[in-house]
Amino acid sequence: MAQTRKYYVVWSGRRPGVYPTWDAC
């Protein structure tokens, strides 16, 4: 779980990737 300035990077979950909002854990 890495929080950036404009988007969230999820690399530890069901769907790893980049999301505009924190809607995928």
N, C-alpha and C. Protein backbone atom coordinates (compact mmCIF):
# COMPACT_ATOMS: atom_id res chain seq x y z
N MET A 1 0.83 -1.20 0.00
CA MET A 1 0.00 0.00 0.00
C MET A 1 0.86 1.25 0.00
N ALA A 2 0.91 1.90 -1.11
CA ALA A 2 1.72 3.12 -1.23
C ALA A 2 0.85 4.28 -1.65
N GLN A 3 0.84 5.30 -0.84
CA GLN A 3 0.00 6.47 -1.16
C GLN A 3 0.84 7.56 -1.79
N THR A 4 0.42 7.99 -2.97
CA THR A 4 1.15 9.04 -3.68
C THR A 4 0.34 10.32 -3.67
N ARG A 5 0.77 11.32 -4.40
CA ARG A 5 0.10 12.61 -4.39
C ARG A 5 -1.22 12.59 -5.14
N LYS A 6 -1.26 11.95 -6.28
CA LYS A 6 -2.45 12.01 -7.13
C LYS A 6 -3.15 10.67 -7.29
N TYR A 7 -2.49 9.60 -6.92
CA TYR A 7 -3.11 8.30 -7.09
C TYR A 7 -2.56 7.30 -6.08
N TYR A 8 -3.21 6.16 -6.01
CA TYR A 8 -2.81 5.13 -5.07
C TYR A 8 -2.26 3.93 -5.82
N VAL A 9 -1.18 3.38 -5.28
CA VAL A 9 -0.59 2.20 -5.90
C VAL A 9 -0.84 1.00 -5.00
N VAL A 10 -1.63 0.06 -5.50
CA VAL A 10 -1.95 -1.13 -4.72
C VAL A 10 -1.20 -2.33 -5.27
N TRP A 11 -0.25 -2.82 -4.48
CA TRP A 11 0.52 -3.97 -4.94
C TRP A 11 0.34 -5.16 -4.01
N SER A 12 -0.58 -5.01 -3.06
CA SER A 12 -0.82 -6.10 -2.14
C SER A 12 -2.32 -6.30 -1.96
N GLY A 13 -2.93 -6.92 -2.94
CA GLY A 13 -4.37 -7.15 -2.87
C GLY A 13 -4.84 -8.06 -3.98
N ARG A 14 -6.14 -8.04 -4.22
CA ARG A 14 -6.67 -8.90 -5.28
C ARG A 14 -6.33 -8.36 -6.66
N ARG A 15 -6.38 -7.03 -6.79
CA ARG A 15 -6.07 -6.42 -8.09
C ARG A 15 -4.97 -5.38 -7.94
N PRO A 16 -3.71 -5.80 -7.99
CA PRO A 16 -2.59 -4.86 -7.90
C PRO A 16 -2.56 -3.91 -9.08
N GLY A 17 -2.34 -2.64 -8.81
CA GLY A 17 -2.32 -1.67 -9.90
C GLY A 17 -2.39 -0.26 -9.36
N VAL A 18 -2.75 0.67 -10.22
CA VAL A 18 -2.84 2.07 -9.82
C VAL A 18 -4.28 2.54 -9.90
N TYR A 19 -4.74 3.16 -8.83
CA TYR A 19 -6.12 3.63 -8.79
C TYR A 19 -6.18 5.10 -8.38
N PRO A 20 -7.14 5.83 -8.94
CA PRO A 20 -7.31 7.26 -8.63
C PRO A 20 -7.86 7.45 -7.22
N THR A 21 -8.50 6.42 -6.68
CA THR A 21 -9.04 6.53 -5.33
C THR A 21 -8.70 5.27 -4.55
N TRP A 22 -8.85 5.34 -3.26
CA TRP A 22 -8.53 4.17 -2.42
C TRP A 22 -9.76 3.27 -2.36
N ASP A 23 -9.95 2.50 -3.42
CA ASP A 23 -11.14 1.68 -3.50
C ASP A 23 -10.78 0.22 -3.73
N ALA A 24 -9.48 -0.09 -3.61
CA ALA A 24 -9.06 -1.47 -3.84
C ALA A 24 -7.97 -1.85 -2.85
N CYS A 25 -8.33 -2.71 -1.91
CA CYS A 25 -7.34 -3.14 -0.92
C CYS A 25 -7.15 -4.65 -1.04
